Amino acid sequence: MRILIAEDDQVLADGLLRALRNSGAAVDHVTDGDQADAALMANSEFDLLIWIWDYPKCTGWRCSNGCVRGDQPCKC
């Protein structure tokens, strides 16, 4: 399973990364909405996206809508 975590709280991200990697998942981590957007555009093989809803640069809502509309090559 390939997972993208978009989380700017490093303590929370570290806990998620550790738990998911220990379970055998391949996990990528970004810290803001623009990075999440770029990661989604660069890699359409994510099985799961975990992100905070309200980024200063790109909201989770905008990224989610991009996936649903097909603006971003992710599976929703």
PDB file of N, CA and C in Angstrom:
ATOM      1  N   MET A   1       0.850  -1.180   0.000  1.00  0.00           N
ATOM      2  CA  MET A   1       0.000   0.000   0.000  1.00  0.00           C
ATOM      3  C   MET A   1       0.891   1.236   0.000  1.00  0.00           C
ATOM      4  N   ARG A   2       0.561   2.214  -0.836  1.00  0.00           N
ATOM      5  CA  ARG A   2       1.304   3.470  -0.936  1.00  0.00           C
ATOM      6  C   ARG A   2       0.437   4.585  -0.368  1.00  0.00           C
ATOM      7  N   ILE A   3       0.982   5.324   0.594  1.00  0.00           N
ATOM      8  CA  ILE A   3       0.220   6.350   1.313  1.00  0.00           C
ATOM      9  C   ILE A   3       0.946   7.687   1.236  1.00  0.00           C
ATOM     10  N   LEU A   4       0.202   8.753   1.035  1.00  0.00           N
ATOM     11  CA  LEU A   4       0.733  10.110   1.111  1.00  0.00           C
ATOM     12  C   LEU A   4       0.157  10.773   2.354  1.00  0.00           C
ATOM     13  N   ILE A   5       1.042  11.247   3.224  1.00  0.00           N
ATOM     14  CA  ILE A   5       0.624  12.018   4.400  1.00  0.00           C
ATOM     15  C   ILE A   5       1.031  13.466   4.168  1.00  0.00           C
ATOM     16  N   ALA A   6       0.076  14.361   4.248  1.00  0.00           N
ATOM     17  CA  ALA A   6       0.334  15.795   4.153  1.00  0.00           C
ATOM     18  C   ALA A   6      -0.011  16.396   5.511  1.00  0.00           C
ATOM     19  N   GLU A   7       0.995  16.626   6.295  1.00  0.00           N
ATOM     20  CA  GLU A   7       0.793  17.069   7.683  1.00  0.00           C
ATOM     21  C   GLU A   7       1.925  17.998   8.078  1.00  0.00           C
ATOM     22  N   ASP A   8       1.578  19.189   8.576  1.00  0.00           N
ATOM     23  CA  ASP A   8       2.614  20.143   8.961  1.00  0.00           C
ATOM     24  C   ASP A   8       3.026  20.041  10.430  1.00  0.00           C
ATOM     25  N   ASP A   9       2.292  19.306  11.219  1.00  0.00           N
ATOM     26  CA  ASP A   9       2.679  19.068  12.618  1.00  0.00           C
ATOM     27  C   ASP A   9       3.633  17.870  12.634  1.00  0.00           C
ATOM     28  N   GLN A  10       4.915  18.140  12.857  1.00  0.00           N
ATOM     29  CA  GLN A  10       5.931  17.099  12.733  1.00  0.00           C
ATOM     30  C   GLN A  10       5.756  15.968  13.745  1.00  0.00           C
ATOM     31  N   VAL A  11       5.314  16.283  14.961  1.00  0.00           N
ATOM     32  CA  VAL A  11       5.105  15.249  15.975  1.00  0.00           C
ATOM     33  C   VAL A  11       4.008  14.275  15.524  1.00  0.00           C
ATOM     34  N   LEU A  12       2.907  14.821  15.043  1.00  0.00           N
ATOM     35  CA  LEU A  12       1.814  13.988  14.555  1.00  0.00           C
ATOM     36  C   LEU A  12       2.264  13.182  13.330  1.00  0.00           C
ATOM     37  N   ALA A  13       2.956  13.842  12.416  1.00  0.00           N
ATOM     38  CA  ALA A  13       3.433  13.156  11.207  1.00  0.00           C
ATOM     39  C   ALA A  13       4.385  12.021  11.567  1.00  0.00           C
ATOM     40  N   ASP A  14       5.297  12.255  12.508  1.00  0.00           N
ATOM     41  CA  ASP A  14       6.249  11.213  12.904  1.00  0.00           C
ATOM     42  C   ASP A  14       5.528   9.979  13.445  1.00  0.00           C
ATOM     43  N   GLY A  15       4.497  10.188  14.253  1.00  0.00           N
ATOM     44  CA  GLY A  15       3.735   9.067  14.793  1.00  0.00           C
ATOM     45  C   GLY A  15       3.023   8.289  13.704  1.00  0.00           C
ATOM     46  N   LEU A  16       2.399   9.007  12.762  1.00  0.00           N
ATOM     47  CA  LEU A  16       1.723   8.352  11.649  1.00  0.00           C
ATOM     48  C   LEU A  16       2.716   7.593  10.774  1.00  0.00           C
ATOM     49  N   LEU A  17       3.837   8.237  10.464  1.00  0.00           N
ATOM     50  CA  LEU A  17       4.854   7.603   9.622  1.00  0.00           C
ATOM     51  C   LEU A  17       5.363   6.313  10.259  1.00  0.00           C
ATOM     52  N   ARG A  18       5.670   6.379  11.532  1.00  0.00           N
ATOM     53  CA  ARG A  18       6.208   5.210  12.239  1.00  0.00           C
ATOM     54  C   ARG A  18       5.198   4.064  12.239  1.00  0.00           C
ATOM     55  N   ALA A  19       3.965   4.369  12.598  1.00  0.00           N
ATOM     56  CA  ALA A  19       2.936   3.328  12.679  1.00  0.00           C
ATOM     57  C   ALA A  19       2.652   2.705  11.314  1.00  0.00           C
ATOM     58  N   LEU A  20       2.527   3.534  10.301  1.00  0.00           N
ATOM     59  CA  LEU A  20       2.195   3.018   8.977  1.00  0.00           C
ATOM     60  C   LEU A  20       3.357   2.242   8.361  1.00  0.00           C
ATOM     61  N   ARG A  21       4.555   2.749   8.543  1.00  0.00           N
ATOM     62  CA  ARG A  21       5.717   2.025   8.011  1.00  0.00           C
ATOM     63  C   ARG A  21       5.927   0.702   8.742  1.00  0.00           C
ATOM     64  N   ASN A  22       5.680   0.686  10.050  1.00  0.00           N
ATOM     65  CA  ASN A  22       5.792  -0.563  10.812  1.00  0.00           C
ATOM     66  C   ASN A  22       4.760  -1.595  10.357  1.00  0.00           C
ATOM     67  N   SER A  23       3.664  -1.126   9.787  1.00  0.00           N
ATOM     68  CA  SER A  23       2.640  -2.052   9.296  1.00  0.00           C
ATOM     69  C   SER A  23       2.940  -2.518   7.869  1.00  0.00           C
ATOM     70  N   GLY A  24       4.028  -2.021   7.299  1.00  0.00           N
ATOM     71  CA  GLY A  24       4.445  -2.457   5.979  1.00  0.00           C
ATOM     72  C   GLY A  24       4.082  -1.532   4.834  1.00  0.00           C
ATOM     73  N   ALA A  25       3.492  -0.399   5.117  1.00  0.00           N
ATOM     74  CA  ALA A  25       3.095   0.532   4.059  1.00  0.00           C
ATOM     75  C   ALA A  25       4.292   1.356   3.583  1.00  0.00           C
ATOM     76  N   ALA A  26       4.260   1.729   2.322  1.00  0.00           N
ATOM     77  CA  ALA A  26       5.207   2.696   1.769  1.00  0.00           C
ATOM     78  C   ALA A  26       4.573   4.068   1.959  1.00  0.00           C
ATOM     79  N   VAL A  27       5.250   4.957   2.684  1.00  0.00           N
ATOM     80  CA  VAL A  27       4.644   6.226   3.059  1.00  0.00           C
ATOM     81  C   VAL A  27       5.514   7.394   2.622  1.00  0.00           C
ATOM     82  N   ASP A  28       4.891   8.368   1.947  1.00  0.00           N
ATOM     83  CA  ASP A  28       5.540   9.632   1.606  1.00  0.00           C
ATOM     84  C   ASP A  28       4.951  10.706   2.505  1.00  0.00           C
ATOM     85  N   HIS A  29       5.772  11.703   2.853  1.00  0.00           N
ATOM     86  CA  HIS A  29       5.321  12.773   3.742  1.00  0.00           C
ATOM     87  C   HIS A  29       5.661  14.121   3.120  1.00  0.00           C
ATOM     88  N   VAL A  30       4.681  15.010   3.103  1.00  0.00           N
ATOM     89  CA  VAL A  30       4.883  16.400   2.696  1.00  0.00           C
ATOM     90  C   VAL A  30       4.320  17.292   3.790  1.00  0.00           C
ATOM     91  N   THR A  31       4.730  18.552   3.781  1.00  0.00           N
ATOM     92  CA  THR A  31       4.357  19.426   4.893  1.00  0.00           C
ATOM     93  C   THR A  31       3.428  20.579   4.525  1.00  0.00           C
ATOM     94  N   ASP A  32       3.057  20.710   3.256  1.00  0.00           N
ATOM     95  CA  ASP A  32       2.081  21.756   2.936  1.00  0.00           C
ATOM     96  C   ASP A  32       1.267  21.361   1.710  1.00  0.00           C
ATOM     97  N   GLY A  33       0.251  22.148   1.449  1.00  0.00           N
ATOM     98  CA  GLY A  33      -0.674  21.830   0.376  1.00  0.00           C
ATOM     99  C   GLY A  33      -0.057  21.853  -1.005  1.00  0.00           C
ATOM    100  N   ASP A  34       0.858  22.784  -1.247  1.00  0.00           N
ATOM    101  CA  ASP A  34       1.509  22.831  -2.553  1.00  0.00           C
ATOM    102  C   ASP A  34       2.339  21.568  -2.788  1.00  0.00           C
ATOM    103  N   GLN A  35       3.017  21.096  -1.750  1.00  0.00           N
ATOM    104  CA  GLN A  35       3.792  19.860  -1.880  1.00  0.00           C
ATOM    105  C   GLN A  35       2.868  18.664  -2.100  1.00  0.00           C
ATOM    106  N   ALA A  36       1.726  18.655  -1.427  1.00  0.00           N
ATOM    107  CA  ALA A  36       0.758  17.577  -1.623  1.00  0.00           C
ATOM    108  C   ALA A  36       0.251  17.587  -3.058  1.00  0.00           C
ATOM    109  N   ASP A  37      -0.074  18.762  -3.545  1.00  0.00           N
ATOM    110  CA  ASP A  37      -0.530  18.914  -4.916  1.00  0.00           C
ATOM    111  C   ASP A  37       0.514  18.377  -5.895  1.00  0.00           C
ATOM    112  N   ALA A  38       1.771  18.766  -5.683  1.00  0.00           N
ATOM    113  CA  ALA A  38       2.856  18.323  -6.567  1.00  0.00           C
ATOM    114  C   ALA A  38       3.055  16.807  -6.490  1.00  0.00           C
ATOM    115  N   ALA A  39       2.971  16.249  -5.279  1.00  0.00           N
ATOM    116  CA  ALA A  39       3.138  14.800  -5.116  1.00  0.00           C
ATOM    117  C   ALA A  39       2.027  14.043  -5.838  1.00  0.00           C
ATOM    118  N   LEU A  40       0.808  14.550  -5.770  1.00  0.00           N
ATOM    119  CA  LEU A  40      -0.311  13.901  -6.453  1.00  0.00           C
ATOM    120  C   LEU A  40      -0.156  13.980  -7.965  1.00  0.00           C
ATOM    121  N   MET A  41       0.342  15.097  -8.448  1.00  0.00           N
ATOM    122  CA  MET A  41       0.541  15.241  -9.890  1.00  0.00           C
ATOM    123  C   MET A  41       1.682  14.350 -10.383  1.00  0.00           C
ATOM    124  N   ALA A  42       2.689  14.147  -9.537  1.00  0.00           N
ATOM    125  CA  ALA A  42       3.864  13.364  -9.933  1.00  0.00           C
ATOM    126  C   ALA A  42       3.645  11.865  -9.810  1.00  0.00           C
ATOM    127  N   ASN A  43       2.730  11.455  -8.935  1.00  0.00           N
ATOM    128  CA  ASN A  43       2.567  10.029  -8.661  1.00  0.00           C
ATOM    129  C   ASN A  43       1.090   9.700  -8.472  1.00  0.00           C
ATOM    130  N   SER A  44       0.547   8.936  -9.382  1.00  0.00           N
ATOM    131  CA  SER A  44      -0.868   8.574  -9.284  1.00  0.00           C
ATOM    132  C   SER A  44      -1.069   7.223  -8.601  1.00  0.00           C
ATOM    133  N   GLU A  45      -0.040   6.697  -8.002  1.00  0.00           N
ATOM    134  CA  GLU A  45      -0.108   5.357  -7.416  1.00  0.00           C
ATOM    135  C   GLU A  45      -0.425   5.344  -5.921  1.00  0.00           C
ATOM    136  N   PHE A  46      -0.850   6.459  -5.350  1.00  0.00           N
ATOM    137  CA  PHE A  46      -1.214   6.471  -3.941  1.00  0.00           C
ATOM    138  C   PHE A  46      -2.538   5.736  -3.746  1.00  0.00           C
ATOM    139  N   ASP A  47      -2.563   4.882  -2.745  1.00  0.00           N
ATOM    140  CA  ASP A  47      -3.783   4.166  -2.395  1.00  0.00           C
ATOM    141  C   ASP A  47      -4.595   4.915  -1.350  1.00  0.00           C
ATOM    142  N   LEU A  48      -3.895   5.759  -0.581  1.00  0.00           N
ATOM    143  CA  LEU A  48      -4.544   6.478   0.514  1.00  0.00           C
ATOM    144  C   LEU A  48      -3.869   7.825   0.693  1.00  0.00           C
ATOM    145  N   LEU A  49      -4.676   8.862   0.914  1.00  0.00           N
ATOM    146  CA  LEU A  49      -4.179  10.203   1.203  1.00  0.00           C
ATOM    147  C   LEU A  49      -4.650  10.602   2.592  1.00  0.00           C
ATOM    148  N   ILE A  50      -3.727  11.079   3.404  1.00  0.00           N
ATOM    149  CA  ILE A  50      -4.066  11.580   4.738  1.00  0.00           C
ATOM    150  C   ILE A  50      -3.557  13.005   4.801  1.00  0.00           C
ATOM    151  N   TRP A  51      -4.458  13.961   4.968  1.00  0.00           N
ATOM    152  CA  TRP A  51      -4.010  15.344   5.046  1.00  0.00           C
ATOM    153  C   TRP A  51      -4.900  16.154   5.953  1.00  0.00           C
ATOM    154  N   ILE A  52      -4.320  17.276   6.429  1.00  0.00           N
ATOM    155  CA  ILE A  52      -5.133  18.205   7.205  1.00  0.00           C
ATOM    156  C   ILE A  52      -6.000  18.985   6.225  1.00  0.00           C
ATOM    157  N   TRP A  53      -7.074  19.493   6.710  1.00  0.00           N
ATOM    158  CA  TRP A  53      -8.059  20.119   5.842  1.00  0.00           C
ATOM    159  C   TRP A  53      -7.714  21.551   5.465  1.00  0.00           C
ATOM    160  N   ASP A  54      -7.030  22.283   6.330  1.00  0.00           N
ATOM    161  CA  ASP A  54      -6.879  23.726   6.124  1.00  0.00           C
ATOM    162  C   ASP A  54      -5.414  24.133   6.055  1.00  0.00           C
ATOM    163  N   TYR A  55      -4.803  23.952   4.897  1.00  0.00           N
ATOM    164  CA  TYR A  55      -3.436  24.434   4.668  1.00  0.00           C
ATOM    165  C   TYR A  55      -3.467  25.889   4.242  1.00  0.00           C
ATOM    166  N   PRO A  56      -2.404  26.631   4.544  1.00  0.00           N
ATOM    167  CA  PRO A  56      -2.352  28.011   4.069  1.00  0.00           C
ATOM    168  C   PRO A  56      -2.216  28.111   2.542  1.00  0.00           C
ATOM    169  N   LYS A  57      -1.499  27.179   1.910  1.00  0.00           N
ATOM    170  CA  LYS A  57      -1.223  27.301   0.475  1.00  0.00           C
ATOM    171  C   LYS A  57      -2.225  26.552  -0.401  1.00  0.00           C
ATOM    172  N   CYS A  58      -2.700  25.437   0.044  1.00  0.00           N
ATOM    173  CA  CYS A  58      -3.634  24.623  -0.741  1.00  0.00           C
ATOM    174  C   CYS A  58      -4.460  23.834   0.255  1.00  0.00           C
ATOM    175  N   THR A  59      -5.743  24.079   0.259  1.00  0.00           N
ATOM    176  CA  THR A  59      -6.573  23.381   1.240  1.00  0.00           C
ATOM    177  C   THR A  59      -6.796  21.926   0.844  1.00  0.00           C
ATOM    178  N   GLY A  60      -7.027  21.093   1.824  1.00  0.00           N
ATOM    179  CA  GLY A  60      -7.381  19.714   1.559  1.00  0.00           C
ATOM    180  C   GLY A  60      -8.620  19.622   0.689  1.00  0.00           C
ATOM    181  N   TRP A  61      -9.522  20.566   0.878  1.00  0.00           N
ATOM    182  CA  TRP A  61     -10.737  20.609   0.070  1.00  0.00           C
ATOM    183  C   TRP A  61     -10.395  20.790  -1.404  1.00  0.00           C
ATOM    184  N   ARG A  62      -9.475  21.726  -1.716  1.00  0.00           N
ATOM    185  CA  ARG A  62      -9.097  21.955  -3.107  1.00  0.00           C
ATOM    186  C   ARG A  62      -8.432  20.716  -3.703  1.00  0.00           C
ATOM    187  N   CYS A  63      -7.531  20.105  -2.947  1.00  0.00           N
ATOM    188  CA  CYS A  63      -6.857  18.894  -3.432  1.00  0.00           C
ATOM    189  C   CYS A  63      -7.862  17.767  -3.637  1.00  0.00           C
ATOM    190  N   SER A  64      -8.792  17.612  -2.703  1.00  0.00           N
ATOM    191  CA  SER A  64      -9.815  16.567  -2.830  1.00  0.00           C
ATOM    192  C   SER A  64     -10.659  16.789  -4.068  1.00  0.00           C
ATOM    193  N   ASN A  65     -11.076  18.016  -4.285  1.00  0.00           N
ATOM    194  CA  ASN A  65     -11.888  18.317  -5.459  1.00  0.00           C
ATOM    195  C   ASN A  65     -11.115  18.057  -6.737  1.00  0.00           C
ATOM    196  N   GLY A  66      -9.808  18.334  -6.730  1.00  0.00           N
ATOM    197  CA  GLY A  66      -8.992  18.057  -7.908  1.00  0.00           C
ATOM    198  C   GLY A  66      -8.963  16.581  -8.227  1.00  0.00           C
ATOM    199  N   CYS A  67      -8.912  15.757  -7.204  1.00  0.00           N
ATOM    200  CA  CYS A  67      -8.929  14.303  -7.423  1.00  0.00           C
ATOM    201  C   CYS A  67     -10.264  13.863  -7.990  1.00  0.00           C
ATOM    202  N   VAL A  68     -11.330  14.343  -7.401  1.00  0.00           N
ATOM    203  CA  VAL A  68     -12.670  13.928  -7.827  1.00  0.00           C
ATOM    204  C   VAL A  68     -12.967  14.401  -9.248  1.00  0.00           C
ATOM    205  N   ARG A  69     -12.570  15.625  -9.572  1.00  0.00           N
ATOM    206  CA  ARG A  69     -12.814  16.161 -10.925  1.00  0.00           C
ATOM    207  C   ARG A  69     -11.890  15.551 -11.961  1.00  0.00           C
ATOM    208  N   GLY A  70     -10.773  14.960 -11.506  1.00  0.00           N
ATOM    209  CA  GLY A  70      -9.817  14.402 -12.454  1.00  0.00           C
ATOM    210  C   GLY A  70      -8.712  15.369 -12.816  1.00  0.00           C
ATOM    211  N   ASP A  71      -8.634  16.526 -12.138  1.00  0.00           N
ATOM    212  CA  ASP A  71      -7.549  17.473 -12.390  1.00  0.00           C
ATOM    213  C   ASP A  71      -6.211  16.897 -11.925  1.00  0.00           C
ATOM    214  N   GLN A  72      -6.271  15.984 -10.972  1.00  0.00           N
ATOM    215  CA  GLN A  72      -5.073  15.339 -10.441  1.00  0.00           C
ATOM    216  C   GLN A  72      -5.219  13.839 -10.640  1.00  0.00           C
ATOM    217  N   PRO A  73      -4.135  13.192 -11.018  1.00  0.00           N
ATOM    218  CA  PRO A  73      -4.213  11.766 -11.330  1.00  0.00           C
ATOM    219  C   PRO A  73      -4.139  10.881 -10.090  1.00  0.00           C
ATOM    220  N   CYS A  74      -5.157  10.959  -9.254  1.00  0.00           N
ATOM    221  CA  CYS A  74      -5.172  10.099  -8.071  1.00  0.00           C
ATOM    222  C   CYS A  74      -6.464   9.299  -8.067  1.00  0.00           C
ATOM    223  N   LYS A  75      -6.439   8.202  -7.337  1.00  0.00           N
ATOM    224  CA  LYS A  75      -7.620   7.356  -7.256  1.00  0.00           C
ATOM    225  C   LYS A  75      -8.438   7.780  -6.040  1.00  0.00           C
ATOM    226  N   CYS A  76      -9.652   8.212  -6.252  1.00  0.00           N
ATOM    227  CA  CYS A  76     -10.524   8.610  -5.146  1.00  0.00           C
ATOM    228  C   CYS A  76     -11.736   7.706  -5.093  1.00  0.00           C
TER     229      CYS A  76
END
